[in-house]
Amino acid sequence: IINGPIIEQGLNCHKYRFKLNTLDLRNVDAEVDRYIKMIASALMTPNQARNKLGLGKPYIGGNKYYMKSGMEEVGEEELEKREDKFIKAMEELTEGINKLAEDDFFKEVGKDEGESED
């Protein structure tokens, strides 16, 4: 067992710091995976993760927050919702055009114009 008196008196070392996370690479891998997820969720910047991992100087542009843009709503996909809105709008447009193309509509418009000229 290593304790304070052994280090301080036996080694004549009065300043020390234990860095335990470098002993097991599985812990480092898990830590890196955690930081990757945090960066992808905009919970931290890449430079903050580099600082936590002790990887040296920050890099240019590494202080920005990033978020994956491929996130979709749970349930019906967003693209399907947009397609449904587009199809509905096209159906309404078709109905409107069909109404305008009917002979009765143009006859009534002509009557209205003829009546206003008198």
PDB file of N, CA and C in Angstrom:
ATOM      1  N   ILE A   1       0.851  -1.172   0.000  1.00  0.00           N
ATOM      2  CA  ILE A   1       0.000   0.000   0.000  1.00  0.00           C
ATOM      3  C   ILE A   1       0.898   1.237   0.000  1.00  0.00           C
ATOM      4  N   ILE A   2       0.561   2.118  -0.918  1.00  0.00           N
ATOM      5  CA  ILE A   2       1.298   3.379  -1.003  1.00  0.00           C
ATOM      6  C   ILE A   2       0.463   4.434  -0.306  1.00  0.00           C
ATOM      7  N   ASN A   3       1.099   5.177   0.568  1.00  0.00           N
ATOM      8  CA  ASN A   3       0.391   6.240   1.266  1.00  0.00           C
ATOM      9  C   ASN A   3       1.247   7.504   1.284  1.00  0.00           C
ATOM     10  N   GLY A   4       0.687   8.562   1.841  1.00  0.00           N
ATOM     11  CA  GLY A   4       1.363   9.855   1.877  1.00  0.00           C
ATOM     12  C   GLY A   4       2.743   9.823   2.504  1.00  0.00           C
ATOM     13  N   PRO A   5       2.927   9.241   3.704  1.00  0.00           N
ATOM     14  CA  PRO A   5       4.259   9.239   4.325  1.00  0.00           C
ATOM     15  C   PRO A   5       5.307   8.514   3.483  1.00  0.00           C
ATOM     16  N   ILE A   6       4.937   7.438   2.821  1.00  0.00           N
ATOM     17  CA  ILE A   6       5.918   6.720   1.995  1.00  0.00           C
ATOM     18  C   ILE A   6       6.378   7.606   0.844  1.00  0.00           C
ATOM     19  N   ILE A   7       5.448   8.264   0.207  1.00  0.00           N
ATOM     20  CA  ILE A   7       5.813   9.118  -0.928  1.00  0.00           C
ATOM     21  C   ILE A   7       6.570  10.346  -0.453  1.00  0.00           C
ATOM     22  N   GLU A   8       6.037  11.019   0.556  1.00  0.00           N
ATOM     23  CA  GLU A   8       6.645  12.273   0.995  1.00  0.00           C
ATOM     24  C   GLU A   8       7.976  12.058   1.706  1.00  0.00           C
ATOM     25  N   GLN A   9       8.041  11.102   2.616  1.00  0.00           N
ATOM     26  CA  GLN A   9       9.275  10.901   3.384  1.00  0.00           C
ATOM     27  C   GLN A   9      10.235   9.955   2.665  1.00  0.00           C
ATOM     28  N   GLY A  10       9.706   8.861   2.152  1.00  0.00           N
ATOM     29  CA  GLY A  10      10.577   7.875   1.515  1.00  0.00           C
ATOM     30  C   GLY A  10      11.142   8.351   0.195  1.00  0.00           C
ATOM     31  N   LEU A  11      10.353   9.036  -0.591  1.00  0.00           N
ATOM     32  CA  LEU A  11      10.804   9.504  -1.901  1.00  0.00           C
ATOM     33  C   LEU A  11      11.164  10.983  -1.904  1.00  0.00           C
ATOM     34  N   ASN A  12      10.965  11.645  -0.772  1.00  0.00           N
ATOM     35  CA  ASN A  12      11.225  13.074  -0.650  1.00  0.00           C
ATOM     36  C   ASN A  12      10.476  13.853  -1.749  1.00  0.00           C
ATOM     37  N   CYS A  13       9.240  13.457  -1.946  1.00  0.00           N
ATOM     38  CA  CYS A  13       8.393  14.078  -2.962  1.00  0.00           C
ATOM     39  C   CYS A  13       7.200  14.702  -2.247  1.00  0.00           C
ATOM     40  N   HIS A  14       7.098  16.013  -2.321  1.00  0.00           N
ATOM     41  CA  HIS A  14       6.030  16.702  -1.604  1.00  0.00           C
ATOM     42  C   HIS A  14       4.896  17.176  -2.524  1.00  0.00           C
ATOM     43  N   LYS A  15       5.097  17.050  -3.813  1.00  0.00           N
ATOM     44  CA  LYS A  15       4.060  17.386  -4.785  1.00  0.00           C
ATOM     45  C   LYS A  15       3.867  16.185  -5.697  1.00  0.00           C
ATOM     46  N   TYR A  16       2.662  15.673  -5.732  1.00  0.00           N
ATOM     47  CA  TYR A  16       2.393  14.525  -6.598  1.00  0.00           C
ATOM     48  C   TYR A  16       0.917  14.500  -6.966  1.00  0.00           C
ATOM     49  N   ARG A  17       0.659  13.834  -8.060  1.00  0.00           N
ATOM     50  CA  ARG A  17      -0.715  13.692  -8.525  1.00  0.00           C
ATOM     51  C   ARG A  17      -0.841  12.322  -9.194  1.00  0.00           C
ATOM     52  N   PHE A  18      -1.859  11.600  -8.821  1.00  0.00           N
ATOM     53  CA  PHE A  18      -2.111  10.296  -9.423  1.00  0.00           C
ATOM     54  C   PHE A  18      -3.000  10.472 -10.648  1.00  0.00           C
ATOM     55  N   LYS A  19      -2.610   9.827 -11.714  1.00  0.00           N
ATOM     56  CA  LYS A  19      -3.424   9.836 -12.923  1.00  0.00           C
ATOM     57  C   LYS A  19      -3.793   8.383 -13.200  1.00  0.00           C
ATOM     58  N   LEU A  20      -4.957   7.982 -12.713  1.00  0.00           N
ATOM     59  CA  LEU A  20      -5.342   6.582 -12.738  1.00  0.00           C
ATOM     60  C   LEU A  20      -6.016   6.147 -14.033  1.00  0.00           C
ATOM     61  N   ASN A  21      -6.579   7.060 -14.797  1.00  0.00           N
ATOM     62  CA  ASN A  21      -7.321   6.643 -15.984  1.00  0.00           C
ATOM     63  C   ASN A  21      -6.430   6.128 -17.107  1.00  0.00           C
ATOM     64  N   THR A  22      -5.117   6.305 -17.030  1.00  0.00           N
ATOM     65  CA  THR A  22      -4.226   5.800 -18.067  1.00  0.00           C
ATOM     66  C   THR A  22      -3.843   4.344 -17.834  1.00  0.00           C
ATOM     67  N   LEU A  23      -4.254   3.757 -16.736  1.00  0.00           N
ATOM     68  CA  LEU A  23      -3.872   2.384 -16.434  1.00  0.00           C
ATOM     69  C   LEU A  23      -4.691   1.363 -17.221  1.00  0.00           C
ATOM     70  N   ASP A  24      -5.914   1.659 -17.551  1.00  0.00           N
ATOM     71  CA  ASP A  24      -6.787   0.711 -18.229  1.00  0.00           C
ATOM     72  C   ASP A  24      -7.325   1.346 -19.511  1.00  0.00           C
ATOM     73  N   LEU A  25      -6.917   0.820 -20.664  1.00  0.00           N
ATOM     74  CA  LEU A  25      -7.330   1.404 -21.939  1.00  0.00           C
ATOM     75  C   LEU A  25      -8.824   1.274 -22.185  1.00  0.00           C
ATOM     76  N   ARG A  26      -9.471   0.291 -21.586  1.00  0.00           N
ATOM     77  CA  ARG A  26     -10.921   0.167 -21.743  1.00  0.00           C
ATOM     78  C   ARG A  26     -11.624   1.386 -21.164  1.00  0.00           C
ATOM     79  N   ASN A  27     -11.108   1.914 -20.068  1.00  0.00           N
ATOM     80  CA  ASN A  27     -11.698   3.122 -19.483  1.00  0.00           C
ATOM     81  C   ASN A  27     -11.520   4.319 -20.412  1.00  0.00           C
ATOM     82  N   VAL A  28     -10.349   4.400 -21.053  1.00  0.00           N
ATOM     83  CA  VAL A  28     -10.093   5.500 -21.982  1.00  0.00           C
ATOM     84  C   VAL A  28     -11.040   5.394 -23.174  1.00  0.00           C
ATOM     85  N   ASP A  29     -11.224   4.189 -23.698  1.00  0.00           N
ATOM     86  CA  ASP A  29     -12.145   4.004 -24.822  1.00  0.00           C
ATOM     87  C   ASP A  29     -13.563   4.425 -24.446  1.00  0.00           C
ATOM     88  N   ALA A  30     -14.006   4.036 -23.275  1.00  0.00           N
ATOM     89  CA  ALA A  30     -15.350   4.408 -22.814  1.00  0.00           C
ATOM     90  C   ALA A  30     -15.454   5.921 -22.636  1.00  0.00           C
ATOM     91  N   GLU A  31     -14.382   6.520 -22.125  1.00  0.00           N
ATOM     92  CA  GLU A  31     -14.371   7.968 -21.921  1.00  0.00           C
ATOM     93  C   GLU A  31     -14.432   8.701 -23.266  1.00  0.00           C
ATOM     94  N   VAL A  32     -13.664   8.225 -24.237  1.00  0.00           N
ATOM     95  CA  VAL A  32     -13.674   8.831 -25.568  1.00  0.00           C
ATOM     96  C   VAL A  32     -15.057   8.692 -26.196  1.00  0.00           C
ATOM     97  N   ASP A  33     -15.661   7.519 -26.102  1.00  0.00           N
ATOM     98  CA  ASP A  33     -17.016   7.320 -26.634  1.00  0.00           C
ATOM     99  C   ASP A  33     -18.014   8.271 -25.986  1.00  0.00           C
ATOM    100  N   ARG A  34     -17.869   8.479 -24.694  1.00  0.00           N
ATOM    101  CA  ARG A  34     -18.765   9.391 -23.976  1.00  0.00           C
ATOM    102  C   ARG A  34     -18.599  10.820 -24.503  1.00  0.00           C
ATOM    103  N   TYR A  35     -17.340  11.240 -24.730  1.00  0.00           N
ATOM    104  CA  TYR A  35     -17.105  12.593 -25.236  1.00  0.00           C
ATOM    105  C   TYR A  35     -17.611  12.744 -26.670  1.00  0.00           C
ATOM    106  N   ILE A  36     -17.473  11.691 -27.481  1.00  0.00           N
ATOM    107  CA  ILE A  36     -17.987  11.747 -28.852  1.00  0.00           C
ATOM    108  C   ILE A  36     -19.493  11.973 -28.829  1.00  0.00           C
ATOM    109  N   LYS A  37     -20.186  11.263 -27.969  1.00  0.00           N
ATOM    110  CA  LYS A  37     -21.640  11.430 -27.855  1.00  0.00           C
ATOM    111  C   LYS A  37     -21.995  12.822 -27.346  1.00  0.00           C
ATOM    112  N   MET A  38     -21.197  13.338 -26.420  1.00  0.00           N
ATOM    113  CA  MET A  38     -21.474  14.672 -25.879  1.00  0.00           C
ATOM    114  C   MET A  38     -21.243  15.749 -26.935  1.00  0.00           C
ATOM    115  N   ILE A  39     -20.211  15.561 -27.766  1.00  0.00           N
ATOM    116  CA  ILE A  39     -19.955  16.515 -28.849  1.00  0.00           C
ATOM    117  C   ILE A  39     -21.089  16.457 -29.864  1.00  0.00           C
ATOM    118  N   ALA A  40     -21.517  15.248 -30.238  1.00  0.00           N
ATOM    119  CA  ALA A  40     -22.583  15.077 -31.227  1.00  0.00           C
ATOM    120  C   ALA A  40     -23.921  15.611 -30.728  1.00  0.00           C
ATOM    121  N   SER A  41     -24.088  15.712 -29.424  1.00  0.00           N
ATOM    122  CA  SER A  41     -25.338  16.225 -28.846  1.00  0.00           C
ATOM    123  C   SER A  41     -25.235  17.687 -28.459  1.00  0.00           C
ATOM    124  N   ALA A  42     -24.147  18.340 -28.826  1.00  0.00           N
ATOM    125  CA  ALA A  42     -23.904  19.757 -28.528  1.00  0.00           C
ATOM    126  C   ALA A  42     -23.849  20.023 -27.030  1.00  0.00           C
ATOM    127  N   LEU A  43     -23.370  19.054 -26.271  1.00  0.00           N
ATOM    128  CA  LEU A  43     -23.204  19.258 -24.832  1.00  0.00           C
ATOM    129  C   LEU A  43     -21.820  19.789 -24.498  1.00  0.00           C
ATOM    130  N   MET A  44     -20.873  19.615 -25.416  1.00  0.00           N
ATOM    131  CA  MET A  44     -19.531  20.164 -25.236  1.00  0.00           C
ATOM    132  C   MET A  44     -18.891  20.351 -26.608  1.00  0.00           C
ATOM    133  N   THR A  45     -17.857  21.184 -26.654  1.00  0.00           N
ATOM    134  CA  THR A  45     -17.143  21.423 -27.903  1.00  0.00           C
ATOM    135  C   THR A  45     -16.014  20.400 -28.040  1.00  0.00           C
ATOM    136  N   PRO A  46     -15.500  20.216 -29.261  1.00  0.00           N
ATOM    137  CA  PRO A  46     -14.362  19.318 -29.425  1.00  0.00           C
ATOM    138  C   PRO A  46     -13.152  19.738 -28.589  1.00  0.00           C
ATOM    139  N   ASN A  47     -12.909  21.034 -28.476  1.00  0.00           N
ATOM    140  CA  ASN A  47     -11.769  21.484 -27.672  1.00  0.00           C
ATOM    141  C   ASN A  47     -11.962  21.195 -26.186  1.00  0.00           C
ATOM    142  N   GLN A  48     -13.195  21.252 -25.703  1.00  0.00           N
ATOM    143  CA  GLN A  48     -13.443  20.891 -24.306  1.00  0.00           C
ATOM    144  C   GLN A  48     -13.130  19.415 -24.082  1.00  0.00           C
ATOM    145  N   ALA A  49     -13.507  18.573 -25.036  1.00  0.00           N
ATOM    146  CA  ALA A  49     -13.214  17.141 -24.924  1.00  0.00           C
ATOM    147  C   ALA A  49     -11.711  16.906 -24.987  1.00  0.00           C
ATOM    148  N   ARG A  50     -11.023  17.600 -25.881  1.00  0.00           N
ATOM    149  CA  ARG A  50      -9.558  17.462 -25.977  1.00  0.00           C
ATOM    150  C   ARG A  50      -8.900  17.863 -24.662  1.00  0.00           C
ATOM    151  N   ASN A  51      -9.394  18.917 -24.051  1.00  0.00           N
ATOM    152  CA  ASN A  51      -8.847  19.371 -22.774  1.00  0.00           C
ATOM    153  C   ASN A  51      -9.048  18.310 -21.691  1.00  0.00           C
ATOM    154  N   LYS A  52     -10.250  17.731 -21.636  1.00  0.00           N
ATOM    155  CA  LYS A  52     -10.543  16.698 -20.630  1.00  0.00           C
ATOM    156  C   LYS A  52      -9.663  15.467 -20.822  1.00  0.00           C
ATOM    157  N   LEU A  53      -9.363  15.140 -22.089  1.00  0.00           N
ATOM    158  CA  LEU A  53      -8.545  13.967 -22.383  1.00  0.00           C
ATOM    159  C   LEU A  53      -7.051  14.263 -22.327  1.00  0.00           C
ATOM    160  N   GLY A  54      -6.690  15.537 -22.135  1.00  0.00           N
ATOM    161  CA  GLY A  54      -5.279  15.902 -22.047  1.00  0.00           C
ATOM    162  C   GLY A  54      -4.550  15.742 -23.367  1.00  0.00           C
ATOM    163  N   LEU A  55      -5.191  16.121 -24.466  1.00  0.00           N
ATOM    164  CA  LEU A  55      -4.606  15.923 -25.793  1.00  0.00           C
ATOM    165  C   LEU A  55      -3.813  17.123 -26.294  1.00  0.00           C
ATOM    166  N   GLY A  56      -3.569  18.089 -25.469  1.00  0.00           N
ATOM    167  CA  GLY A  56      -2.730  19.211 -25.872  1.00  0.00           C
ATOM    168  C   GLY A  56      -3.520  20.431 -26.289  1.00  0.00           C
ATOM    169  N   LYS A  57      -2.894  21.213 -27.168  1.00  0.00           N
ATOM    170  CA  LYS A  57      -3.458  22.500 -27.570  1.00  0.00           C
ATOM    171  C   LYS A  57      -4.794  22.332 -28.285  1.00  0.00           C
ATOM    172  N   PRO A  58      -5.709  23.287 -28.066  1.00  0.00           N
ATOM    173  CA  PRO A  58      -6.974  23.271 -28.814  1.00  0.00           C
ATOM    174  C   PRO A  58      -6.707  23.611 -30.279  1.00  0.00           C
ATOM    175  N   TYR A  59      -7.596  23.215 -31.142  1.00  0.00           N
ATOM    176  CA  TYR A  59      -7.423  23.526 -32.555  1.00  0.00           C
ATOM    177  C   TYR A  59      -8.423  24.595 -32.989  1.00  0.00           C
ATOM    178  N   ILE A  60      -8.099  25.264 -34.076  1.00  0.00           N
ATOM    179  CA  ILE A  60      -8.928  26.355 -34.591  1.00  0.00           C
ATOM    180  C   ILE A  60     -10.282  25.793 -35.018  1.00  0.00           C
ATOM    181  N   GLY A  61     -11.347  26.434 -34.588  1.00  0.00           N
ATOM    182  CA  GLY A  61     -12.701  25.997 -34.913  1.00  0.00           C
ATOM    183  C   GLY A  61     -13.243  24.951 -33.956  1.00  0.00           C
ATOM    184  N   GLY A  62     -12.436  24.542 -33.005  1.00  0.00           N
ATOM    185  CA  GLY A  62     -12.851  23.501 -32.069  1.00  0.00           C
ATOM    186  C   GLY A  62     -13.676  23.998 -30.904  1.00  0.00           C
ATOM    187  N   ASN A  63     -13.956  25.297 -30.854  1.00  0.00           N
ATOM    188  CA  ASN A  63     -14.775  25.844 -29.768  1.00  0.00           C
ATOM    189  C   ASN A  63     -16.240  26.000 -30.168  1.00  0.00           C
ATOM    190  N   LYS A  64     -16.610  25.443 -31.311  1.00  0.00           N
ATOM    191  CA  LYS A  64     -17.998  25.518 -31.772  1.00  0.00           C
ATOM    192  C   LYS A  64     -18.748  24.274 -31.316  1.00  0.00           C
ATOM    193  N   TYR A  65     -20.041  24.449 -31.103  1.00  0.00           N
ATOM    194  CA  TYR A  65     -20.905  23.323 -30.739  1.00  0.00           C
ATOM    195  C   TYR A  65     -21.474  22.714 -32.017  1.00  0.00           C
ATOM    196  N   TYR A  66     -21.538  21.406 -32.055  1.00  0.00           N
ATOM    197  CA  TYR A  66     -22.052  20.687 -33.217  1.00  0.00           C
ATOM    198  C   TYR A  66     -23.200  19.785 -32.789  1.00  0.00           C
ATOM    199  N   MET A  67     -24.143  19.592 -33.721  1.00  0.00           N
ATOM    200  CA  MET A  67     -25.251  18.676 -33.457  1.00  0.00           C
ATOM    201  C   MET A  67     -25.565  17.945 -34.755  1.00  0.00           C
ATOM    202  N   LYS A  68     -25.801  16.663 -34.656  1.00  0.00           N
ATOM    203  CA  LYS A  68     -26.156  15.892 -35.840  1.00  0.00           C
ATOM    204  C   LYS A  68     -27.452  16.444 -36.413  1.00  0.00           C
ATOM    205  N   SER A  69     -27.488  16.588 -37.724  1.00  0.00           N
ATOM    206  CA  SER A  69     -28.683  17.157 -38.345  1.00  0.00           C
ATOM    207  C   SER A  69     -29.647  16.087 -38.837  1.00  0.00           C
ATOM    208  N   GLY A  70     -29.330  14.843 -38.675  1.00  0.00           N
ATOM    209  CA  GLY A  70     -30.186  13.771 -39.154  1.00  0.00           C
ATOM    210  C   GLY A  70     -31.216  13.313 -38.149  1.00  0.00           C
ATOM    211  N   MET A  71     -31.477  14.127 -37.154  1.00  0.00           N
ATOM    212  CA  MET A  71     -32.435  13.729 -36.127  1.00  0.00           C
ATOM    213  C   MET A  71     -33.848  13.811 -36.689  1.00  0.00           C
ATOM    214  N   GLU A  72     -34.642  12.781 -36.427  1.00  0.00           N
ATOM    215  CA  GLU A  72     -36.011  12.739 -36.916  1.00  0.00           C
ATOM    216  C   GLU A  72     -36.971  12.554 -35.760  1.00  0.00           C
ATOM    217  N   GLU A  73     -38.180  13.027 -35.972  1.00  0.00           N
ATOM    218  CA  GLU A  73     -39.227  12.889 -34.970  1.00  0.00           C
ATOM    219  C   GLU A  73     -39.596  11.415 -34.829  1.00  0.00           C
ATOM    220  N   VAL A  74     -39.862  11.001 -33.628  1.00  0.00           N
ATOM    221  CA  VAL A  74     -40.259   9.620 -33.392  1.00  0.00           C
ATOM    222  C   VAL A  74     -41.646   9.403 -33.968  1.00  0.00           C
ATOM    223  N   GLY A  75     -41.847   8.296 -34.633  1.00  0.00           N
ATOM    224  CA  GLY A  75     -43.143   8.009 -35.245  1.00  0.00           C
ATOM    225  C   GLY A  75     -43.074   8.272 -36.729  1.00  0.00           C
ATOM    226  N   GLU A  76     -44.013   9.041 -37.234  1.00  0.00           N
ATOM    227  CA  GLU A  76     -44.070   9.333 -38.665  1.00  0.00           C
ATOM    228  C   GLU A  76     -42.862  10.167 -39.065  1.00  0.00           C
ATOM    229  N   GLU A  77     -42.230   9.791 -40.148  1.00  0.00           N
ATOM    230  CA  GLU A  77     -41.043  10.517 -40.584  1.00  0.00           C
ATOM    231  C   GLU A  77     -41.423  11.898 -41.112  1.00  0.00           C
ATOM    232  N   GLU A  78     -40.531  12.838 -40.911  1.00  0.00           N
ATOM    233  CA  GLU A  78     -40.773  14.225 -41.311  1.00  0.00           C
ATOM    234  C   GLU A  78     -40.976  14.338 -42.818  1.00  0.00           C
ATOM    235  N   LEU A  79     -40.234  13.568 -43.590  1.00  0.00           N
ATOM    236  CA  LEU A  79     -40.366  13.621 -45.045  1.00  0.00           C
ATOM    237  C   LEU A  79     -41.767  13.202 -45.475  1.00  0.00           C
ATOM    238  N   GLU A  80     -42.306  12.174 -44.841  1.00  0.00           N
ATOM    239  CA  GLU A  80     -43.660  11.734 -45.173  1.00  0.00           C
ATOM    240  C   GLU A  80     -44.677  12.824 -44.865  1.00  0.00           C
ATOM    241  N   LYS A  81     -44.480  13.538 -43.770  1.00  0.00           N
ATOM    242  CA  LYS A  81     -45.385  14.638 -43.427  1.00  0.00           C
ATOM    243  C   LYS A  81     -45.356  15.707 -44.512  1.00  0.00           C
ATOM    244  N   ARG A  82     -44.146  16.054 -44.977  1.00  0.00           N
ATOM    245  CA  ARG A  82     -44.020  17.071 -46.019  1.00  0.00           C
ATOM    246  C   ARG A  82     -44.639  16.589 -47.328  1.00  0.00           C
ATOM    247  N   GLU A  83     -44.435  15.304 -47.639  1.00  0.00           N
ATOM    248  CA  GLU A  83     -45.038  14.757 -48.857  1.00  0.00           C
ATOM    249  C   GLU A  83     -46.562  14.824 -48.779  1.00  0.00           C
ATOM    250  N   ASP A  84     -47.127  14.491 -47.621  1.00  0.00           N
ATOM    251  CA  ASP A  84     -48.580  14.550 -47.454  1.00  0.00           C
ATOM    252  C   ASP A  84     -49.102  15.972 -47.650  1.00  0.00           C
ATOM    253  N   LYS A  85     -48.406  16.960 -47.100  1.00  0.00           N
ATOM    254  CA  LYS A  85     -48.813  18.358 -47.268  1.00  0.00           C
ATOM    255  C   LYS A  85     -48.742  18.764 -48.738  1.00  0.00           C
ATOM    256  N   PHE A  86     -47.681  18.322 -49.424  1.00  0.00           N
ATOM    257  CA  PHE A  86     -47.509  18.657 -50.835  1.00  0.00           C
ATOM    258  C   PHE A  86     -48.623  18.027 -51.669  1.00  0.00           C
ATOM    259  N   ILE A  87     -48.916  16.760 -51.412  1.00  0.00           N
ATOM    260  CA  ILE A  87     -49.979  16.070 -52.158  1.00  0.00           C
ATOM    261  C   ILE A  87     -51.320  16.758 -51.940  1.00  0.00           C
ATOM    262  N   LYS A  88     -51.614  17.143 -50.701  1.00  0.00           N
ATOM    263  CA  LYS A  88     -52.874  17.832 -50.403  1.00  0.00           C
ATOM    264  C   LYS A  88     -52.941  19.172 -51.140  1.00  0.00           C
ATOM    265  N   ALA A  89     -51.840  19.906 -51.145  1.00  0.00           N
ATOM    266  CA  ALA A  89     -51.808  21.200 -51.833  1.00  0.00           C
ATOM    267  C   ALA A  89     -52.008  21.015 -53.334  1.00  0.00           C
ATOM    268  N   MET A  90     -51.409  19.971 -53.902  1.00  0.00           N
ATOM    269  CA  MET A  90     -51.570  19.713 -55.334  1.00  0.00           C
ATOM    270  C   MET A  90     -53.013  19.326 -55.664  1.00  0.00           C
ATOM    271  N   GLU A  91     -53.642  18.539 -54.796  1.00  0.00           N
ATOM    272  CA  GLU A  91     -55.046  18.166 -55.012  1.00  0.00           C
ATOM    273  C   GLU A  91     -55.947  19.393 -54.971  1.00  0.00           C
ATOM    274  N   GLU A  92     -55.698  20.302 -54.015  1.00  0.00           N
ATOM    275  CA  GLU A  92     -56.488  21.528 -53.922  1.00  0.00           C
ATOM    276  C   GLU A  92     -56.270  22.411 -55.147  1.00  0.00           C
ATOM    277  N   LEU A  93     -55.027  22.465 -55.628  1.00  0.00           N
ATOM    278  CA  LEU A  93     -54.725  23.244 -56.826  1.00  0.00           C
ATOM    279  C   LEU A  93     -55.447  22.662 -58.040  1.00  0.00           C
ATOM    280  N   THR A  94     -55.435  21.345 -58.159  1.00  0.00           N
ATOM    281  CA  THR A  94     -56.125  20.674 -59.268  1.00  0.00           C
ATOM    282  C   THR A  94     -57.621  20.966 -59.230  1.00  0.00           C
ATOM    283  N   GLU A  95     -58.218  20.910 -58.050  1.00  0.00           N
ATOM    284  CA  GLU A  95     -59.645  21.224 -57.907  1.00  0.00           C
ATOM    285  C   GLU A  95     -59.926  22.660 -58.338  1.00  0.00           C
ATOM    286  N   GLY A  96     -59.063  23.567 -57.938  1.00  0.00           N
ATOM    287  CA  GLY A  96     -59.236  24.973 -58.311  1.00  0.00           C
ATOM    288  C   GLY A  96     -59.135  25.179 -59.807  1.00  0.00           C
ATOM    289  N   ILE A  97     -58.184  24.514 -60.436  1.00  0.00           N
ATOM    290  CA  ILE A  97     -58.022  24.626 -61.889  1.00  0.00           C
ATOM    291  C   ILE A  97     -59.232  24.035 -62.598  1.00  0.00           C
ATOM    292  N   ASN A  98     -59.705  22.890 -62.113  1.00  0.00           N
ATOM    293  CA  ASN A  98     -60.897  22.266 -62.716  1.00  0.00           C
ATOM    294  C   ASN A  98     -62.105  23.191 -62.616  1.00  0.00           C
ATOM    295  N   LYS A  99     -62.242  23.880 -61.508  1.00  0.00           N
ATOM    296  CA  LYS A  99     -63.356  24.814 -61.330  1.00  0.00           C
ATOM    297  C   LYS A  99     -63.263  25.952 -62.348  1.00  0.00           C
ATOM    298  N   LEU A 100     -62.036  26.464 -62.527  1.00  0.00           N
ATOM    299  CA  LEU A 100     -61.836  27.546 -63.493  1.00  0.00           C
ATOM    300  C   LEU A 100     -62.080  27.077 -64.917  1.00  0.00           C
ATOM    301  N   ALA A 101     -61.785  25.829 -65.198  1.00  0.00           N
ATOM    302  CA  ALA A 101     -61.916  25.301 -66.556  1.00  0.00           C
ATOM    303  C   ALA A 101     -63.356  24.978 -66.927  1.00  0.00           C
ATOM    304  N   GLU A 102     -64.254  24.944 -65.975  1.00  0.00           N
ATOM    305  CA  GLU A 102     -65.663  24.647 -66.275  1.00  0.00           C
ATOM    306  C   GLU A 102     -66.275  25.789 -67.087  1.00  0.00           C
ATOM    307  N   ASP A 103     -67.117  25.434 -68.052  1.00  0.00           N
ATOM    308  CA  ASP A 103     -67.753  26.442 -68.915  1.00  0.00           C
ATOM    309  C   ASP A 103     -68.629  27.395 -68.118  1.00  0.00           C
ATOM    310  N   ASP A 104     -69.355  26.887 -67.143  1.00  0.00           N
ATOM    311  CA  ASP A 104     -70.276  27.722 -66.378  1.00  0.00           C
ATOM    312  C   ASP A 104     -69.550  28.873 -65.690  1.00  0.00           C
ATOM    313  N   PHE A 105     -68.359  28.620 -65.199  1.00  0.00           N
ATOM    314  CA  PHE A 105     -67.613  29.665 -64.497  1.00  0.00           C
ATOM    315  C   PHE A 105     -67.297  30.812 -65.445  1.00  0.00           C
ATOM    316  N   PHE A 106     -66.804  30.468 -66.663  1.00  0.00           N
ATOM    317  CA  PHE A 106     -66.442  31.516 -67.606  1.00  0.00           C
ATOM    318  C   PHE A 106     -67.672  32.262 -68.120  1.00  0.00           C
ATOM    319  N   LYS A 107     -68.786  31.547 -68.283  1.00  0.00           N
ATOM    320  CA  LYS A 107     -70.023  32.210 -68.715  1.00  0.00           C
ATOM    321  C   LYS A 107     -70.484  33.212 -67.672  1.00  0.00           C
ATOM    322  N   GLU A 108     -70.403  32.807 -66.391  1.00  0.00           N
ATOM    323  CA  GLU A 108     -70.833  33.711 -65.322  1.00  0.00           C
ATOM    324  C   GLU A 108     -69.917  34.915 -65.230  1.00  0.00           C
ATOM    325  N   VAL A 109     -68.626  34.706 -65.455  1.00  0.00           N
ATOM    326  CA  VAL A 109     -67.690  35.824 -65.432  1.00  0.00           C
ATOM    327  C   VAL A 109     -68.012  36.772 -66.568  1.00  0.00           C
ATOM    328  N   GLY A 110     -68.324  36.243 -67.742  1.00  0.00           N
ATOM    329  CA  GLY A 110     -68.694  37.072 -68.890  1.00  0.00           C
ATOM    330  C   GLY A 110     -69.967  37.843 -68.639  1.00  0.00           C
ATOM    331  N   LYS A 111     -70.945  37.227 -68.003  1.00  0.00           N
ATOM    332  CA  LYS A 111     -72.207  37.907 -67.681  1.00  0.00           C
ATOM    333  C   LYS A 111     -71.955  39.067 -66.739  1.00  0.00           C
ATOM    334  N   ASP A 112     -71.135  38.808 -65.725  1.00  0.00           N
ATOM    335  CA  ASP A 112     -70.838  39.868 -64.759  1.00  0.00           C
ATOM    336  C   ASP A 112     -70.172  41.047 -65.446  1.00  0.00           C
ATOM    337  N   GLU A 113     -69.255  40.754 -66.346  1.00  0.00           N
ATOM    338  CA  GLU A 113     -68.558  41.832 -67.042  1.00  0.00           C
ATOM    339  C   GLU A 113     -69.517  42.574 -67.969  1.00  0.00           C
ATOM    340  N   GLY A 114     -70.390  41.820 -68.647  1.00  0.00           N
ATOM    341  CA  GLY A 114     -71.367  42.430 -69.550  1.00  0.00           C
ATOM    342  C   GLY A 114     -72.355  43.296 -68.803  1.00  0.00           C
ATOM    343  N   GLU A 115     -72.767  42.888 -67.652  1.00  0.00           N
ATOM    344  CA  GLU A 115     -73.727  43.649 -66.861  1.00  0.00           C
ATOM    345  C   GLU A 115     -73.114  44.940 -66.345  1.00  0.00           C
ATOM    346  N   SER A 116     -71.829  44.905 -66.049  1.00  0.00           N
ATOM    347  CA  SER A 116     -71.211  46.099 -65.495  1.00  0.00           C
ATOM    348  C   SER A 116     -70.973  47.157 -66.562  1.00  0.00           C
ATOM    349  N   GLU A 117     -70.931  46.753 -67.843  1.00  0.00           N
ATOM    350  CA  GLU A 117     -70.700  47.719 -68.906  1.00  0.00           C
ATOM    351  C   GLU A 117     -71.946  48.541 -69.198  1.00  0.00           C
ATOM    352  N   ASP A 118     -73.127  48.032 -68.936  1.00  0.00           N
ATOM    353  CA  ASP A 118     -74.379  48.742 -69.241  1.00  0.00           C
ATOM    354  C   ASP A 118     -74.555  49.917 -68.400  1.00  0.00           C
TER     355      ASP A 118
END
